[in-house]
Amino acid sequence: MLINQSFQIDQPVDQVWKFFDDIPLVAACIPGADLTNEVGDDQYEGDVIISAGPVKLEFTGSVKIESRDEAKKVLVLDAAGADKKGRGSAAMIMKITLKPLGGASTDVTLDIDLTITGAAAQYGRGLVVDVTSVLIQQTANSMKLRMTAIAEGRDPYAIGAPEAASGIAIGLTAFWKATKRVLSRFFMPYQPAPSR
């Protein structure tokens, strides 16, 4: 499934690019992620823990930088993992595009091609997109804190890691987003069918 998310960071594009080129630092911003074991050039292994409703998934896997275009500020990551209890797997291609907004702000666009099998896949596309949206927002907030620390000359790793993705927080937020989607369809103004 394809998921698109974007957010803004109040840092110059070159600083944001430098940040995204450091995979362990980016991983430190993802709730429940630990991808610090470097196994080759631009390739890392580790774990990601996600709780979504009654299911807690503990993935072990790897991520590598598939390509980088510094001139266009485009980075492509290829990640794959399997649940430690054999209940499913996930694979993801993530394209990160940075665009300067003028001054000291940067727009970050994430184009994610996500494939999920097993326990997580049973929840359907809508919930997976909502859960991903919550995780990206938590990740973006952590990135902003760490980039601010770098700009102020502080150690970005000294910033507390975001908590492992909470099933309750994610579940409530995802439920609210799904409810709003359903209600918006239910209360949409009546549109008569075009006459033939």
N, C-alpha and C. Protein backbone atom coordinates (compact mmCIF):
# COMPACT_ATOMS: atom_id res chain seq x y z
N MET A 1 0.84 -1.18 0.00
CA MET A 1 0.00 0.00 0.00
C MET A 1 0.88 1.24 0.00
N LEU A 2 0.39 2.28 -0.62
CA LEU A 2 1.13 3.54 -0.71
C LEU A 2 0.63 4.50 0.34
N ILE A 3 1.55 5.10 1.07
CA ILE A 3 1.22 6.06 2.12
C ILE A 3 2.07 7.30 1.88
N ASN A 4 1.44 8.46 1.94
CA ASN A 4 2.17 9.72 1.76
C ASN A 4 1.96 10.59 3.00
N GLN A 5 3.05 11.09 3.54
CA GLN A 5 2.99 11.98 4.70
C GLN A 5 3.98 13.10 4.48
N SER A 6 3.68 14.26 5.04
CA SER A 6 4.64 15.35 4.98
C SER A 6 4.55 16.16 6.26
N PHE A 7 5.66 16.79 6.61
CA PHE A 7 5.70 17.66 7.78
C PHE A 7 6.81 18.69 7.56
N GLN A 8 6.80 19.72 8.38
CA GLN A 8 7.78 20.78 8.26
C GLN A 8 8.69 20.81 9.48
N ILE A 9 9.94 21.13 9.23
CA ILE A 9 10.93 21.25 10.29
C ILE A 9 11.58 22.62 10.17
N ASP A 10 11.71 23.32 11.28
CA ASP A 10 12.29 24.66 11.28
C ASP A 10 13.81 24.59 11.34
N GLN A 11 14.38 23.99 10.29
CA GLN A 11 15.83 23.89 10.13
C GLN A 11 16.14 24.04 8.65
N PRO A 12 17.32 24.59 8.30
CA PRO A 12 17.70 24.71 6.88
C PRO A 12 17.80 23.34 6.22
N VAL A 13 17.53 23.29 4.92
CA VAL A 13 17.48 22.02 4.20
C VAL A 13 18.79 21.25 4.28
N ASP A 14 19.93 21.94 4.27
CA ASP A 14 21.21 21.22 4.34
C ASP A 14 21.38 20.51 5.68
N GLN A 15 20.90 21.14 6.75
CA GLN A 15 20.99 20.51 8.07
C GLN A 15 20.07 19.30 8.15
N VAL A 16 18.89 19.43 7.58
CA VAL A 16 17.93 18.33 7.59
C VAL A 16 18.46 17.16 6.76
N TRP A 17 19.09 17.47 5.63
CA TRP A 17 19.68 16.43 4.78
C TRP A 17 20.77 15.67 5.54
N LYS A 18 21.62 16.41 6.22
CA LYS A 18 22.70 15.80 6.98
C LYS A 18 22.11 14.88 8.06
N PHE A 19 21.03 15.32 8.67
CA PHE A 19 20.36 14.53 9.70
C PHE A 19 19.83 13.21 9.13
N PHE A 20 19.12 13.28 8.00
CA PHE A 20 18.52 12.08 7.41
C PHE A 20 19.57 11.11 6.87
N ASP A 21 20.77 11.59 6.62
CA ASP A 21 21.83 10.73 6.11
C ASP A 21 22.46 9.89 7.22
N ASP A 22 22.04 10.13 8.47
CA ASP A 22 22.55 9.39 9.62
C ASP A 22 21.46 8.41 10.08
N ILE A 23 21.47 7.19 9.53
CA ILE A 23 20.39 6.23 9.78
C ILE A 23 20.21 5.91 11.27
N PRO A 24 21.26 5.64 12.04
CA PRO A 24 21.04 5.36 13.47
C PRO A 24 20.36 6.54 14.19
N LEU A 25 20.70 7.75 13.81
CA LEU A 25 20.08 8.92 14.44
C LEU A 25 18.61 9.04 14.04
N VAL A 26 18.30 8.78 12.77
CA VAL A 26 16.91 8.78 12.32
C VAL A 26 16.14 7.68 13.05
N ALA A 27 16.74 6.49 13.15
CA ALA A 27 16.07 5.37 13.83
C ALA A 27 15.80 5.69 15.29
N ALA A 28 16.69 6.46 15.92
CA ALA A 28 16.50 6.83 17.32
C ALA A 28 15.24 7.67 17.53
N CYS A 29 14.72 8.25 16.45
CA CYS A 29 13.51 9.08 16.53
C CYS A 29 12.23 8.26 16.37
N ILE A 30 12.35 7.03 15.93
CA ILE A 30 11.17 6.20 15.67
C ILE A 30 10.80 5.45 16.95
N PRO A 31 9.56 5.61 17.42
CA PRO A 31 9.16 4.92 18.65
C PRO A 31 9.39 3.42 18.56
N GLY A 32 10.11 2.89 19.53
CA GLY A 32 10.33 1.44 19.60
C GLY A 32 11.40 0.90 18.68
N ALA A 33 12.16 1.78 17.99
CA ALA A 33 13.16 1.30 17.02
C ALA A 33 14.57 1.36 17.59
N ASP A 34 15.37 0.38 17.24
CA ASP A 34 16.78 0.34 17.59
C ASP A 34 17.51 -0.28 16.40
N LEU A 35 18.03 0.57 15.51
CA LEU A 35 18.72 0.10 14.30
C LEU A 35 20.15 0.63 14.30
N THR A 36 20.94 0.19 15.26
CA THR A 36 22.28 0.74 15.43
C THR A 36 23.38 -0.23 15.03
N ASN A 37 23.04 -1.45 14.64
CA ASN A 37 24.06 -2.43 14.28
C ASN A 37 24.42 -2.29 12.81
N GLU A 38 25.56 -1.64 12.53
CA GLU A 38 25.99 -1.43 11.14
C GLU A 38 26.59 -2.72 10.60
N VAL A 39 26.02 -3.23 9.51
CA VAL A 39 26.48 -4.51 8.95
C VAL A 39 27.15 -4.34 7.59
N GLY A 40 27.20 -3.13 7.09
CA GLY A 40 27.83 -2.87 5.80
C GLY A 40 27.67 -1.40 5.47
N ASP A 41 28.18 -1.00 4.31
CA ASP A 41 28.04 0.38 3.89
C ASP A 41 26.56 0.73 3.78
N ASP A 42 26.13 1.73 4.55
CA ASP A 42 24.75 2.22 4.49
C ASP A 42 23.72 1.15 4.80
N GLN A 43 24.08 0.14 5.58
CA GLN A 43 23.13 -0.92 5.92
C GLN A 43 23.20 -1.21 7.42
N TYR A 44 22.01 -1.26 8.05
CA TYR A 44 21.92 -1.44 9.49
C TYR A 44 20.88 -2.50 9.82
N GLU A 45 21.09 -3.16 10.97
CA GLU A 45 20.14 -4.15 11.46
C GLU A 45 19.70 -3.77 12.87
N GLY A 46 18.53 -4.28 13.25
CA GLY A 46 18.05 -4.00 14.59
C GLY A 46 16.62 -4.45 14.77
N ASP A 47 15.96 -3.84 15.77
CA ASP A 47 14.61 -4.24 16.15
C ASP A 47 13.66 -3.05 16.13
N VAL A 48 12.38 -3.34 15.90
CA VAL A 48 11.31 -2.35 16.00
C VAL A 48 10.15 -3.01 16.72
N ILE A 49 9.64 -2.35 17.78
CA ILE A 49 8.52 -2.88 18.55
C ILE A 49 7.32 -1.97 18.33
N ILE A 50 6.19 -2.55 17.90
CA ILE A 50 4.97 -1.77 17.68
C ILE A 50 3.81 -2.50 18.35
N SER A 51 3.05 -1.75 19.17
CA SER A 51 1.83 -2.29 19.75
C SER A 51 0.65 -1.62 19.06
N ALA A 52 -0.25 -2.40 18.50
CA ALA A 52 -1.43 -1.86 17.85
C ALA A 52 -2.63 -2.66 18.31
N GLY A 53 -3.42 -2.06 19.18
CA GLY A 53 -4.55 -2.79 19.73
C GLY A 53 -4.05 -3.98 20.54
N PRO A 54 -4.64 -5.15 20.37
CA PRO A 54 -4.24 -6.31 21.17
C PRO A 54 -2.97 -7.00 20.66
N VAL A 55 -2.44 -6.53 19.55
CA VAL A 55 -1.28 -7.19 18.95
C VAL A 55 -0.01 -6.37 19.21
N LYS A 56 0.99 -7.05 19.76
CA LYS A 56 2.31 -6.43 19.93
C LYS A 56 3.26 -7.13 18.98
N LEU A 57 3.80 -6.38 18.06
CA LEU A 57 4.70 -6.95 17.07
C LEU A 57 6.13 -6.53 17.37
N GLU A 58 7.02 -7.50 17.40
CA GLU A 58 8.44 -7.24 17.61
C GLU A 58 9.18 -7.70 16.36
N PHE A 59 9.56 -6.73 15.53
CA PHE A 59 10.23 -7.04 14.27
C PHE A 59 11.74 -6.99 14.44
N THR A 60 12.40 -7.90 13.78
CA THR A 60 13.85 -7.80 13.63
C THR A 60 14.11 -7.71 12.13
N GLY A 61 14.98 -6.81 11.74
CA GLY A 61 15.18 -6.64 10.30
C GLY A 61 16.34 -5.72 9.99
N SER A 62 16.30 -5.17 8.80
CA SER A 62 17.40 -4.32 8.35
C SER A 62 16.88 -3.18 7.50
N VAL A 63 17.68 -2.15 7.41
CA VAL A 63 17.38 -1.01 6.54
C VAL A 63 18.68 -0.61 5.85
N LYS A 64 18.55 -0.26 4.58
CA LYS A 64 19.74 0.21 3.87
C LYS A 64 19.36 1.42 3.02
N ILE A 65 20.34 2.24 2.77
CA ILE A 65 20.14 3.38 1.87
C ILE A 65 20.26 2.86 0.46
N GLU A 66 19.14 2.87 -0.26
CA GLU A 66 19.11 2.36 -1.63
C GLU A 66 19.74 3.36 -2.59
N SER A 67 19.44 4.64 -2.39
CA SER A 67 20.03 5.68 -3.24
C SER A 67 19.95 7.01 -2.53
N ARG A 68 20.85 7.92 -2.92
CA ARG A 68 20.82 9.27 -2.37
C ARG A 68 21.19 10.24 -3.48
N ASP A 69 20.45 11.33 -3.58
CA ASP A 69 20.71 12.39 -4.56
C ASP A 69 20.82 13.69 -3.78
N GLU A 70 22.05 14.05 -3.47
CA GLU A 70 22.26 15.23 -2.63
C GLU A 70 21.81 16.51 -3.32
N ALA A 71 21.98 16.58 -4.65
CA ALA A 71 21.59 17.79 -5.38
C ALA A 71 20.08 18.01 -5.29
N LYS A 72 19.31 16.93 -5.46
CA LYS A 72 17.85 17.05 -5.42
C LYS A 72 17.29 16.84 -4.02
N LYS A 73 18.16 16.45 -3.09
CA LYS A 73 17.77 16.17 -1.70
C LYS A 73 16.70 15.08 -1.64
N VAL A 74 17.02 13.93 -2.27
CA VAL A 74 16.13 12.78 -2.27
C VAL A 74 16.91 11.56 -1.76
N LEU A 75 16.35 10.89 -0.78
CA LEU A 75 16.97 9.71 -0.18
C LEU A 75 15.96 8.57 -0.25
N VAL A 76 16.40 7.39 -0.66
CA VAL A 76 15.51 6.22 -0.73
C VAL A 76 16.05 5.14 0.20
N LEU A 77 15.17 4.70 1.12
CA LEU A 77 15.52 3.65 2.07
C LEU A 77 14.74 2.38 1.74
N ASP A 78 15.40 1.25 1.90
CA ASP A 78 14.79 -0.06 1.68
C ASP A 78 14.87 -0.82 3.00
N ALA A 79 13.71 -1.15 3.58
CA ALA A 79 13.69 -1.82 4.88
C ALA A 79 12.82 -3.07 4.82
N ALA A 80 13.19 -4.07 5.60
CA ALA A 80 12.41 -5.30 5.68
C ALA A 80 12.63 -5.92 7.04
N GLY A 81 11.58 -6.57 7.55
CA GLY A 81 11.70 -7.21 8.85
C GLY A 81 10.67 -8.32 9.01
N ALA A 82 10.93 -9.17 9.99
CA ALA A 82 10.01 -10.27 10.29
C ALA A 82 9.72 -10.26 11.77
N ASP A 83 8.47 -10.57 12.13
CA ASP A 83 8.08 -10.65 13.54
C ASP A 83 8.86 -11.78 14.20
N LYS A 84 9.37 -11.55 15.39
CA LYS A 84 10.20 -12.54 16.07
C LYS A 84 9.44 -13.82 16.40
N LYS A 85 8.10 -13.71 16.51
CA LYS A 85 7.30 -14.89 16.82
C LYS A 85 6.71 -15.51 15.56
N GLY A 86 7.15 -15.05 14.40
CA GLY A 86 6.71 -15.64 13.15
C GLY A 86 5.28 -15.32 12.76
N ARG A 87 4.75 -14.18 13.27
CA ARG A 87 3.35 -13.84 12.98
C ARG A 87 3.19 -12.89 11.81
N GLY A 88 4.26 -12.63 11.10
CA GLY A 88 4.12 -11.75 9.95
C GLY A 88 5.43 -11.10 9.58
N SER A 89 5.37 -10.30 8.54
CA SER A 89 6.56 -9.58 8.07
C SER A 89 6.14 -8.26 7.47
N ALA A 90 7.12 -7.41 7.29
CA ALA A 90 6.86 -6.10 6.68
C ALA A 90 8.04 -5.74 5.79
N ALA A 91 7.73 -5.08 4.70
CA ALA A 91 8.77 -4.57 3.80
C ALA A 91 8.35 -3.16 3.40
N MET A 92 9.33 -2.29 3.26
CA MET A 92 9.01 -0.90 2.99
C MET A 92 10.09 -0.25 2.13
N ILE A 93 9.64 0.49 1.15
CA ILE A 93 10.51 1.40 0.41
C ILE A 93 10.05 2.80 0.79
N MET A 94 10.95 3.61 1.31
CA MET A 94 10.60 4.96 1.71
C MET A 94 11.45 5.97 0.93
N LYS A 95 10.76 6.85 0.24
CA LYS A 95 11.43 7.93 -0.48
C LYS A 95 11.27 9.21 0.33
N ILE A 96 12.37 9.80 0.71
CA ILE A 96 12.37 11.03 1.51
C ILE A 96 12.80 12.18 0.61
N THR A 97 11.93 13.17 0.48
CA THR A 97 12.23 14.33 -0.36
C THR A 97 12.21 15.58 0.49
N LEU A 98 13.28 16.36 0.43
CA LEU A 98 13.38 17.59 1.20
C LEU A 98 13.27 18.79 0.26
N LYS A 99 12.50 19.79 0.69
CA LYS A 99 12.38 21.02 -0.10
C LYS A 99 12.51 22.22 0.83
N PRO A 100 13.41 23.15 0.48
CA PRO A 100 13.53 24.35 1.31
C PRO A 100 12.28 25.21 1.17
N LEU A 101 11.85 25.77 2.28
CA LEU A 101 10.65 26.62 2.27
C LEU A 101 11.01 28.09 2.39
N GLY A 102 12.28 28.40 2.35
CA GLY A 102 12.71 29.78 2.55
C GLY A 102 13.07 29.98 4.00
N GLY A 103 14.05 30.81 4.24
CA GLY A 103 14.48 31.00 5.62
C GLY A 103 15.12 29.73 6.14
N ALA A 104 14.68 29.34 7.32
CA ALA A 104 15.27 28.17 7.96
C ALA A 104 14.25 27.05 8.13
N SER A 105 13.39 26.87 7.15
CA SER A 105 12.39 25.81 7.24
C SER A 105 12.51 24.85 6.06
N THR A 106 12.16 23.59 6.31
CA THR A 106 12.25 22.55 5.29
C THR A 106 10.99 21.71 5.31
N ASP A 107 10.48 21.41 4.12
CA ASP A 107 9.35 20.50 3.99
C ASP A 107 9.91 19.10 3.77
N VAL A 108 9.44 18.15 4.57
CA VAL A 108 9.86 16.75 4.45
C VAL A 108 8.67 15.94 3.95
N THR A 109 8.83 15.29 2.79
CA THR A 109 7.78 14.45 2.24
C THR A 109 8.24 13.01 2.25
N LEU A 110 7.40 12.14 2.79
CA LEU A 110 7.69 10.71 2.84
C LEU A 110 6.71 9.97 1.94
N ASP A 111 7.23 9.30 0.94
CA ASP A 111 6.42 8.43 0.08
C ASP A 111 6.79 7.00 0.45
N ILE A 112 5.83 6.30 1.04
CA ILE A 112 6.08 4.97 1.60
C ILE A 112 5.30 3.92 0.82
N ASP A 113 6.01 2.91 0.37
CA ASP A 113 5.38 1.74 -0.25
C ASP A 113 5.53 0.60 0.75
N LEU A 114 4.44 0.26 1.44
CA LEU A 114 4.48 -0.66 2.57
C LEU A 114 3.75 -1.95 2.24
N THR A 115 4.39 -3.07 2.53
CA THR A 115 3.77 -4.38 2.37
C THR A 115 3.81 -5.09 3.72
N ILE A 116 2.63 -5.49 4.20
CA ILE A 116 2.54 -6.16 5.50
C ILE A 116 1.82 -7.49 5.32
N THR A 117 2.35 -8.53 5.97
CA THR A 117 1.68 -9.83 5.97
C THR A 117 1.50 -10.28 7.41
N GLY A 118 0.57 -11.18 7.63
CA GLY A 118 0.39 -11.76 8.96
C GLY A 118 -0.52 -10.94 9.85
N ALA A 119 -0.22 -10.93 11.16
CA ALA A 119 -1.10 -10.35 12.18
C ALA A 119 -1.45 -8.89 11.91
N ALA A 120 -0.46 -8.07 11.54
CA ALA A 120 -0.73 -6.65 11.33
C ALA A 120 -1.62 -6.41 10.12
N ALA A 121 -1.54 -7.29 9.13
CA ALA A 121 -2.29 -7.09 7.89
C ALA A 121 -3.80 -7.29 8.09
N GLN A 122 -4.20 -7.99 9.14
CA GLN A 122 -5.62 -8.29 9.35
C GLN A 122 -6.44 -7.05 9.69
N TYR A 123 -5.77 -5.97 10.08
CA TYR A 123 -6.51 -4.77 10.47
C TYR A 123 -6.99 -3.94 9.29
N GLY A 124 -6.50 -4.21 8.12
CA GLY A 124 -6.96 -3.48 6.94
C GLY A 124 -6.19 -2.20 6.70
N ARG A 125 -6.33 -1.69 5.47
CA ARG A 125 -5.55 -0.55 5.03
C ARG A 125 -5.82 0.70 5.87
N GLY A 126 -7.09 0.99 6.17
CA GLY A 126 -7.43 2.22 6.89
C GLY A 126 -6.72 2.32 8.22
N LEU A 127 -6.75 1.24 9.02
CA LEU A 127 -6.11 1.28 10.32
C LEU A 127 -4.60 1.34 10.19
N VAL A 128 -4.04 0.60 9.24
CA VAL A 128 -2.59 0.63 9.04
C VAL A 128 -2.13 2.05 8.68
N VAL A 129 -2.88 2.72 7.80
CA VAL A 129 -2.53 4.09 7.42
C VAL A 129 -2.62 5.01 8.64
N ASP A 130 -3.67 4.85 9.45
CA ASP A 130 -3.83 5.69 10.64
C ASP A 130 -2.72 5.45 11.64
N VAL A 131 -2.38 4.18 11.88
CA VAL A 131 -1.30 3.86 12.81
C VAL A 131 0.02 4.44 12.30
N THR A 132 0.28 4.28 10.99
CA THR A 132 1.50 4.84 10.40
C THR A 132 1.55 6.35 10.56
N SER A 133 0.40 7.00 10.37
CA SER A 133 0.32 8.45 10.51
C SER A 133 0.70 8.89 11.92
N VAL A 134 0.20 8.16 12.93
CA VAL A 134 0.52 8.48 14.33
C VAL A 134 2.01 8.29 14.58
N LEU A 135 2.57 7.18 14.09
CA LEU A 135 3.99 6.91 14.28
C LEU A 135 4.85 7.98 13.62
N ILE A 136 4.46 8.42 12.42
CA ILE A 136 5.23 9.44 11.72
C ILE A 136 5.18 10.76 12.49
N GLN A 137 4.01 11.10 13.06
CA GLN A 137 3.91 12.33 13.84
C GLN A 137 4.81 12.27 15.07
N GLN A 138 4.82 11.13 15.76
CA GLN A 138 5.70 10.97 16.92
C GLN A 138 7.16 11.05 16.50
N THR A 139 7.47 10.43 15.35
CA THR A 139 8.84 10.46 14.84
C THR A 139 9.25 11.88 14.47
N ALA A 140 8.37 12.63 13.80
CA ALA A 140 8.66 14.00 13.40
C ALA A 140 8.93 14.87 14.62
N ASN A 141 8.14 14.70 15.68
CA ASN A 141 8.36 15.49 16.90
C ASN A 141 9.73 15.20 17.51
N SER A 142 10.12 13.92 17.51
CA SER A 142 11.43 13.55 18.03
C SER A 142 12.55 14.12 17.16
N MET A 143 12.35 14.09 15.83
CA MET A 143 13.36 14.66 14.92
C MET A 143 13.57 16.15 15.19
N LYS A 144 12.47 16.86 15.38
CA LYS A 144 12.56 18.31 15.64
C LYS A 144 13.36 18.58 16.89
N LEU A 145 13.13 17.80 17.95
CA LEU A 145 13.87 17.99 19.20
C LEU A 145 15.36 17.71 19.00
N ARG A 146 15.67 16.66 18.25
CA ARG A 146 17.08 16.30 18.05
C ARG A 146 17.80 17.28 17.13
N MET A 147 17.10 17.78 16.11
CA MET A 147 17.72 18.77 15.24
C MET A 147 17.96 20.08 15.98
N THR A 148 17.04 20.43 16.86
CA THR A 148 17.23 21.62 17.69
C THR A 148 18.45 21.43 18.58
N ALA A 149 18.61 20.24 19.14
CA ALA A 149 19.77 19.95 19.99
C ALA A 149 21.06 20.10 19.20
N ILE A 150 21.08 19.59 17.96
CA ILE A 150 22.28 19.72 17.11
C ILE A 150 22.59 21.19 16.85
N ALA A 151 21.55 21.96 16.50
CA ALA A 151 21.74 23.39 16.22
C ALA A 151 22.28 24.15 17.43
N GLU A 152 21.93 23.67 18.62
CA GLU A 152 22.39 24.32 19.86
C GLU A 152 23.68 23.72 20.37
N GLY A 153 24.28 22.79 19.61
CA GLY A 153 25.56 22.20 20.01
C GLY A 153 25.44 21.13 21.08
N ARG A 154 24.24 20.59 21.27
CA ARG A 154 24.05 19.52 22.25
C ARG A 154 24.05 18.16 21.57
N ASP A 155 24.22 17.12 22.36
CA ASP A 155 24.24 15.75 21.83
C ASP A 155 22.82 15.31 21.49
N PRO A 156 22.53 15.02 20.20
CA PRO A 156 21.16 14.61 19.84
C PRO A 156 20.76 13.28 20.45
N TYR A 157 21.75 12.44 20.79
CA TYR A 157 21.42 11.15 21.40
C TYR A 157 21.06 11.30 22.88
N ALA A 158 21.37 12.46 23.46
CA ALA A 158 21.02 12.70 24.86
C ALA A 158 19.54 12.99 25.04
N ILE A 159 18.86 13.31 23.91
CA ILE A 159 17.41 13.51 23.97
C ILE A 159 16.77 12.15 24.24
N GLY A 160 15.85 12.12 25.17
CA GLY A 160 15.18 10.84 25.49
C GLY A 160 14.52 10.26 24.25
N ALA A 161 14.68 8.96 24.07
CA ALA A 161 14.06 8.28 22.93
C ALA A 161 12.55 8.27 23.11
N PRO A 162 11.80 8.37 22.01
CA PRO A 162 10.35 8.26 22.15
C PRO A 162 9.99 6.87 22.65
N GLU A 163 8.92 6.79 23.42
CA GLU A 163 8.51 5.50 23.97
C GLU A 163 8.12 4.55 22.84
N ALA A 164 8.26 3.27 23.12
CA ALA A 164 7.80 2.27 22.15
C ALA A 164 6.34 2.56 21.83
N ALA A 165 6.00 2.40 20.58
CA ALA A 165 4.67 2.78 20.13
C ALA A 165 3.59 2.15 21.01
N SER A 166 2.83 2.98 21.68
CA SER A 166 1.82 2.54 22.63
C SER A 166 0.55 2.10 21.94
N GLY A 167 0.08 0.92 22.26
CA GLY A 167 -1.16 0.42 21.68
C GLY A 167 -2.34 1.29 22.02
N ILE A 168 -2.40 1.79 23.26
CA ILE A 168 -3.54 2.61 23.69
C ILE A 168 -3.54 3.93 22.94
N ALA A 169 -2.40 4.63 22.95
CA ALA A 169 -2.33 5.94 22.28
C ALA A 169 -2.59 5.81 20.79
N ILE A 170 -1.94 4.84 20.17
CA ILE A 170 -2.13 4.65 18.74
C ILE A 170 -3.55 4.20 18.44
N GLY A 171 -4.05 3.26 19.24
CA GLY A 171 -5.40 2.76 19.02
C GLY A 171 -6.45 3.85 19.11
N LEU A 172 -6.35 4.71 20.15
CA LEU A 172 -7.32 5.78 20.31
C LEU A 172 -7.25 6.79 19.17
N THR A 173 -6.03 7.17 18.81
CA THR A 173 -5.87 8.15 17.73
C THR A 173 -6.36 7.57 16.41
N ALA A 174 -5.99 6.32 16.13
CA ALA A 174 -6.42 5.68 14.88
C ALA A 174 -7.94 5.52 14.86
N PHE A 175 -8.51 5.14 16.02
CA PHE A 175 -9.97 4.99 16.10
C PHE A 175 -10.66 6.33 15.81
N TRP A 176 -10.12 7.41 16.38
CA TRP A 176 -10.72 8.74 16.16
C TRP A 176 -10.63 9.13 14.68
N LYS A 177 -9.50 8.87 14.05
CA LYS A 177 -9.37 9.20 12.62
C LYS A 177 -10.34 8.38 11.78
N ALA A 178 -10.48 7.10 12.10
CA ALA A 178 -11.40 6.25 11.35
C ALA A 178 -12.84 6.72 11.55
N THR A 179 -13.18 7.09 12.78
CA THR A 179 -14.54 7.58 13.07
C THR A 179 -14.83 8.85 12.28
N LYS A 180 -13.86 9.76 12.23
CA LYS A 180 -14.06 11.00 11.47
C LYS A 180 -14.27 10.70 9.99
N ARG A 181 -13.54 9.71 9.46
CA ARG A 181 -13.71 9.33 8.05
C ARG A 181 -15.11 8.82 7.79
N VAL A 182 -15.58 7.93 8.67
CA VAL A 182 -16.91 7.35 8.49
C VAL A 182 -17.98 8.43 8.61
N LEU A 183 -17.87 9.28 9.63
CA LEU A 183 -18.87 10.32 9.83
C LEU A 183 -18.89 11.32 8.68
N SER A 184 -17.72 11.63 8.14
CA SER A 184 -17.68 12.59 7.04
C SER A 184 -18.39 12.02 5.81
N ARG A 185 -18.30 10.71 5.61
CA ARG A 185 -19.01 10.09 4.48
C ARG A 185 -20.51 10.07 4.74
N PHE A 186 -20.87 9.81 6.00
CA PHE A 186 -22.28 9.71 6.36
C PHE A 186 -22.98 11.06 6.23
N PHE A 187 -22.27 12.13 6.61
CA PHE A 187 -22.88 13.46 6.60
C PHE A 187 -22.53 14.29 5.38
N MET A 188 -21.95 13.66 4.35
CA MET A 188 -21.65 14.41 3.13
C MET A 188 -22.94 14.90 2.50
N PRO A 189 -22.93 16.11 1.97
CA PRO A 189 -24.14 16.60 1.31
C PRO A 189 -24.56 15.66 0.18
N TYR A 190 -25.86 15.54 0.00
CA TYR A 190 -26.40 14.67 -1.05
C TYR A 190 -26.03 15.24 -2.41
N GLN A 191 -25.48 14.38 -3.24
CA GLN A 191 -25.10 14.76 -4.61
C GLN A 191 -25.92 13.92 -5.57
N PRO A 192 -26.93 14.50 -6.21
CA PRO A 192 -27.72 13.68 -7.15
C PRO A 192 -26.87 13.18 -8.30
N ALA A 193 -27.23 12.01 -8.77
CA ALA A 193 -26.51 11.43 -9.90
C ALA A 193 -26.72 12.30 -11.13
N PRO A 194 -25.69 12.47 -11.94
CA PRO A 194 -25.85 13.30 -13.15
C PRO A 194 -26.89 12.70 -14.09
N SER A 195 -27.67 13.57 -14.67
CA SER A 195 -28.71 13.09 -15.59
C SER A 195 -28.07 12.65 -16.91
N ARG A 196 -28.68 11.70 -17.55
CA ARG A 196 -28.14 11.18 -18.82
C ARG A 196 -28.91 11.72 -19.98
